[in-house]
Amino acid sequence: MEKGTHGNNENSFEALDYAGQARTLNAQIQVLQKGLKAHIRRGDSENRDLIEMKNSYKTQLLKLITSLE
């Protein structure tokens, strides 16, 4: 599969139908959630400042959410 394509037929995101775009976005959100949890666990095991880290990601995510309104 080429970079920037989705599914077996390798459509670009914009070429996907509404349901296909929704499935792709939901999957990306799930991957982001799993990645953040793994990063927080790694930060904890390396004695990083978890409060600062979480606040930084919260700020980024809140900016994203606000831009959707």
N, C-alpha and C. Protein backbone atom coordinates (compact mmCIF):
# COMPACT_ATOMS: atom_id res chain seq x y z
N MET A 1 0.85 -1.18 0.00
CA MET A 1 0.00 0.00 0.00
C MET A 1 0.89 1.24 0.00
N GLU A 2 0.54 2.21 -0.81
CA GLU A 2 1.30 3.45 -0.86
C GLU A 2 0.97 4.34 0.32
N LYS A 3 1.94 5.17 0.68
CA LYS A 3 1.71 6.11 1.77
C LYS A 3 0.58 7.06 1.40
N GLY A 4 -0.30 7.33 2.36
CA GLY A 4 -1.40 8.26 2.14
C GLY A 4 -2.61 7.63 1.47
N THR A 5 -2.67 6.31 1.45
CA THR A 5 -3.82 5.63 0.86
C THR A 5 -4.48 4.77 1.91
N HIS A 6 -5.71 4.37 1.64
CA HIS A 6 -6.51 3.64 2.63
C HIS A 6 -7.15 2.43 2.00
N GLY A 7 -7.06 1.30 2.67
CA GLY A 7 -7.77 0.11 2.25
C GLY A 7 -7.09 -0.65 1.13
N ASN A 8 -7.73 -1.74 0.75
CA ASN A 8 -7.17 -2.63 -0.26
C ASN A 8 -7.07 -1.97 -1.62
N ASN A 9 -8.02 -1.11 -1.96
CA ASN A 9 -7.99 -0.48 -3.27
C ASN A 9 -7.18 0.81 -3.29
N GLU A 10 -6.55 1.13 -2.19
CA GLU A 10 -5.60 2.24 -2.06
C GLU A 10 -6.17 3.59 -2.46
N ASN A 11 -7.37 3.89 -1.97
CA ASN A 11 -7.98 5.19 -2.20
C ASN A 11 -7.32 6.25 -1.34
N SER A 12 -7.28 7.48 -1.83
CA SER A 12 -6.87 8.59 -0.97
C SER A 12 -8.00 8.83 0.02
N PHE A 13 -7.71 9.51 1.10
CA PHE A 13 -8.74 9.75 2.12
C PHE A 13 -9.94 10.47 1.50
N GLU A 14 -9.69 11.47 0.68
CA GLU A 14 -10.78 12.23 0.09
C GLU A 14 -11.63 11.39 -0.86
N ALA A 15 -11.05 10.35 -1.44
CA ALA A 15 -11.80 9.49 -2.37
C ALA A 15 -12.69 8.50 -1.64
N LEU A 16 -12.49 8.31 -0.34
CA LEU A 16 -13.32 7.40 0.44
C LEU A 16 -14.73 7.97 0.58
N ASP A 17 -15.70 7.08 0.69
CA ASP A 17 -17.05 7.56 0.97
C ASP A 17 -17.13 7.99 2.44
N TYR A 18 -18.27 8.56 2.81
CA TYR A 18 -18.44 9.09 4.17
C TYR A 18 -18.15 8.03 5.23
N ALA A 19 -18.70 6.83 5.04
CA ALA A 19 -18.50 5.75 6.02
C ALA A 19 -17.04 5.33 6.07
N GLY A 20 -16.38 5.28 4.93
CA GLY A 20 -14.96 4.91 4.88
C GLY A 20 -14.10 5.94 5.60
N GLN A 21 -14.41 7.22 5.40
CA GLN A 21 -13.69 8.27 6.11
C GLN A 21 -13.91 8.15 7.61
N ALA A 22 -15.15 7.87 8.02
CA ALA A 22 -15.46 7.73 9.45
C ALA A 22 -14.68 6.57 10.06
N ARG A 23 -14.64 5.43 9.36
CA ARG A 23 -13.88 4.27 9.87
C ARG A 23 -12.40 4.62 10.01
N THR A 24 -11.86 5.31 9.02
CA THR A 24 -10.44 5.68 9.05
C THR A 24 -10.16 6.63 10.21
N LEU A 25 -11.00 7.64 10.39
CA LEU A 25 -10.80 8.58 11.50
C LEU A 25 -10.91 7.90 12.85
N ASN A 26 -11.89 7.01 13.01
CA ASN A 26 -12.04 6.28 14.27
C ASN A 26 -10.82 5.43 14.55
N ALA A 27 -10.30 4.77 13.53
CA ALA A 27 -9.10 3.94 13.71
C ALA A 27 -7.91 4.80 14.10
N GLN A 28 -7.76 5.97 13.47
CA GLN A 28 -6.64 6.85 13.80
C GLN A 28 -6.74 7.36 15.23
N ILE A 29 -7.95 7.66 15.68
CA ILE A 29 -8.15 8.12 17.07
C ILE A 29 -7.76 7.00 18.04
N GLN A 30 -8.16 5.76 17.73
CA GLN A 30 -7.81 4.63 18.59
C GLN A 30 -6.30 4.41 18.65
N VAL A 31 -5.62 4.56 17.51
CA VAL A 31 -4.17 4.41 17.47
C VAL A 31 -3.52 5.52 18.29
N LEU A 32 -4.03 6.75 18.18
CA LEU A 32 -3.51 7.86 18.96
C LEU A 32 -3.68 7.61 20.46
N GLN A 33 -4.84 7.10 20.85
CA GLN A 33 -5.09 6.80 22.26
C GLN A 33 -4.10 5.75 22.77
N LYS A 34 -3.92 4.68 22.01
CA LYS A 34 -2.99 3.63 22.43
C LYS A 34 -1.56 4.18 22.49
N GLY A 35 -1.20 5.02 21.53
CA GLY A 35 0.14 5.60 21.52
C GLY A 35 0.38 6.50 22.72
N LEU A 36 -0.61 7.32 23.06
CA LEU A 36 -0.47 8.19 24.22
C LEU A 36 -0.33 7.39 25.51
N LYS A 37 -1.13 6.33 25.64
CA LYS A 37 -1.04 5.50 26.84
C LYS A 37 0.34 4.85 26.95
N ALA A 38 0.86 4.36 25.83
CA ALA A 38 2.19 3.75 25.83
C ALA A 38 3.26 4.79 26.17
N HIS A 39 3.11 5.99 25.62
CA HIS A 39 4.09 7.05 25.87
C HIS A 39 4.06 7.46 27.35
N ILE A 40 2.88 7.52 27.93
CA ILE A 40 2.76 7.87 29.35
C ILE A 40 3.38 6.78 30.22
N ARG A 41 3.14 5.50 29.87
CA ARG A 41 3.78 4.41 30.62
C ARG A 41 5.29 4.51 30.53
N ARG A 42 5.82 4.78 29.33
CA ARG A 42 7.27 4.91 29.17
C ARG A 42 7.79 6.10 29.97
N GLY A 43 7.07 7.20 29.92
CA GLY A 43 7.47 8.36 30.69
C GLY A 43 7.50 8.07 32.17
N ASP A 44 6.51 7.31 32.65
CA ASP A 44 6.46 6.94 34.06
C ASP A 44 7.66 6.07 34.43
N SER A 45 7.99 5.11 33.57
CA SER A 45 9.12 4.21 33.87
C SER A 45 10.46 4.94 33.80
N GLU A 46 10.49 6.06 33.07
CA GLU A 46 11.72 6.85 32.96
C GLU A 46 11.69 8.08 33.87
N ASN A 47 10.72 8.11 34.80
CA ASN A 47 10.59 9.20 35.78
C ASN A 47 10.50 10.57 35.13
N ARG A 48 9.74 10.67 34.05
CA ARG A 48 9.51 11.95 33.38
C ARG A 48 8.41 12.70 34.11
N ASP A 49 8.30 13.99 33.83
CA ASP A 49 7.25 14.82 34.42
C ASP A 49 5.94 14.53 33.69
N LEU A 50 5.13 13.62 34.24
CA LEU A 50 3.90 13.20 33.59
C LEU A 50 2.86 14.32 33.55
N ILE A 51 2.82 15.14 34.55
CA ILE A 51 1.84 16.24 34.58
C ILE A 51 2.12 17.19 33.42
N GLU A 52 3.37 17.57 33.24
CA GLU A 52 3.73 18.46 32.13
C GLU A 52 3.43 17.80 30.78
N MET A 53 3.79 16.52 30.67
CA MET A 53 3.56 15.80 29.42
C MET A 53 2.07 15.75 29.10
N LYS A 54 1.25 15.35 30.07
CA LYS A 54 -0.18 15.23 29.84
C LYS A 54 -0.79 16.59 29.50
N ASN A 55 -0.36 17.63 30.20
CA ASN A 55 -0.89 18.97 29.92
C ASN A 55 -0.54 19.41 28.51
N SER A 56 0.65 19.08 28.06
CA SER A 56 1.06 19.44 26.70
C SER A 56 0.17 18.77 25.67
N TYR A 57 -0.09 17.47 25.84
CA TYR A 57 -0.95 16.75 24.89
C TYR A 57 -2.39 17.21 25.01
N LYS A 58 -2.86 17.50 26.22
CA LYS A 58 -4.21 18.01 26.40
C LYS A 58 -4.39 19.32 25.65
N THR A 59 -3.39 20.20 25.75
CA THR A 59 -3.45 21.49 25.07
C THR A 59 -3.57 21.30 23.56
N GLN A 60 -2.74 20.40 23.01
CA GLN A 60 -2.80 20.13 21.57
C GLN A 60 -4.16 19.58 21.17
N LEU A 61 -4.67 18.63 21.94
CA LEU A 61 -5.95 18.02 21.60
C LEU A 61 -7.10 19.01 21.75
N LEU A 62 -7.04 19.85 22.76
CA LEU A 62 -8.09 20.86 22.93
C LEU A 62 -8.09 21.87 21.80
N LYS A 63 -6.90 22.23 21.28
CA LYS A 63 -6.82 23.12 20.12
C LYS A 63 -7.47 22.46 18.92
N LEU A 64 -7.23 21.18 18.75
CA LEU A 64 -7.85 20.44 17.64
C LEU A 64 -9.37 20.44 17.78
N ILE A 65 -9.85 20.12 18.98
CA ILE A 65 -11.30 20.07 19.23
C ILE A 65 -11.91 21.44 19.01
N THR A 66 -11.28 22.48 19.51
CA THR A 66 -11.80 23.84 19.36
C THR A 66 -11.87 24.21 17.88
N SER A 67 -10.92 23.76 17.09
CA SER A 67 -10.93 24.11 15.67
C SER A 67 -12.08 23.44 14.93
N LEU A 68 -12.68 22.41 15.51
CA LEU A 68 -13.80 21.72 14.88
C LEU A 68 -15.13 22.44 15.13
N GLU A 69 -15.15 23.32 16.10
CA GLU A 69 -16.41 24.00 16.46
C GLU A 69 -16.74 25.10 15.49
